[in-house]
Structure formats: structure tokens, C-alpha cells
Amino acid sequence: MGASPPPDVGVDLRYLRDDGHLSTAMGRLAAGGLPPLLPTLAGALVAGALMATGLNHLAGITLFAPVAALLLSGVASGHPHSGRFDRLVPPLLRVTEYLYVLALGYGSGVGGPLVFVLLAAVALHHADAVHRTRTGLRPPAWVMRAMLGWDGRMLVLAAGGALGWLPFTYGVLTGYLAVLLVWEATTSWLAAPIAEARAPRNESGGVDASTM
């Protein structure tokens, strides 16, 4: 039997959390002493229960309640995330953010296509973070800060709903994230080194099969 592949010890789950400024600041206060799974699970369950009641029944400052509940996870954002089940933390944060985007948008009458495009932009950002982490590359730190983090994006939407500007907020946030993603992807590709094949040529100018 072949040996099992080694664990991916190079992946820092704190990077995959996609924390924003507020969650990161809360983690500094706790100095990494609190394990992340339990507060994240508790926050996700409370946020999920609030969303299950229907965000269309929430108004004003109460739209911030699911975000405040999920911010329980921020207290543990500075922990090394080295526990056996700490890999569940980033998916819990992402699923809760996706559900909030969907529930708030559809519950408040935001157009379905606009909700879908915003959700797609956030999902692409997360997929890019996972892919780059696996390849040992990361986008610049300023890009991650500019993406606002899960807490920043949810707070922007909650503020838009509280002010009665939710469709406008969805549109602005979608455009901002899309432009940032395209800009960062384009500059990264242009800056990447291009490897050239330097196989020896035969007398006819072709490449010998033995060198392929």
C-alpha cells in the first residue's frame, strides 16, 4: 500500500477566514487565546436562526443582528487554528455570509440577478484565496483589506438596508468588488513570469521526440 499524502501544513486557516478590520481587531484583543470553532459555530447558529425568521421582518438597526452574532467568531480570529476541527471555521463563515446576502436581498426585494452577481463575486474571491493558498501564492495584503472581509461586506449591506438604500448598496458593492477582482487578477497575470520552453532543435527545426 502506498503512503498517504502528507497533510497540507502550509495552509494558514486564518488567511482563509477572510476577516475584515473589525474581526481582526477583536482577535487582537483576545491575543489568540480562544479556540475558534465554538464561537464561530455559536455565531453562525444564532445568525442562521435570525435569518430563518426572515430578514424582511427586520428593519433599521436590527438588520445588524446577524452580523453582530457572527462577530463572536472574530474574538478567536487570532488563534492559530491548529485544532482538529478548526478547518470547519472558514466554511462556516462563508456559508453564513452567503445566506445573509441571499436572505437580505430576496427578503428586501432586491432583484434576483443583482443578488446572484454579488454572491458570485464574493464566491470568486473565496475560490481565488483557496487556489492561491494551495499554490503557495497570495494576493497583496492591500487587496485582502480592500475586499473588506466577510464582516465588512455584511456590515455594508446591513447599513444599506437600515438606510433604505439596499438595491443601491447591492449594486455599488457588486461593482466595487468586481472591479477590484478584475484589476487584481489582470495585474497579477501581467506580473507573473512567463516560462519559455527551451527544448533542443534538430536539423529540421523541430523538436526530437526524446526531448518531449
Foldseek 3Di string as FASTA:
>chain_A
DDDDDDDPVQFQVLLLLLAEDVLQVLCVVLVQPDAQPVQQVQLLVQLVVVLVVACLVPEAPCLCVSLVSNSSNSNNSNHRLPDPPSNVRSVSLLVSLLSSLVRLCVRVPADPVLSVLLNVLVVVVSVVQVVQSVVVHDFDPVLSNQLRGSSGLSVQQSVCRNVVNNNVSSVVNSVSSVVSVVVRVVVVVVPDDDDDDDADADPVRHHDPVRD
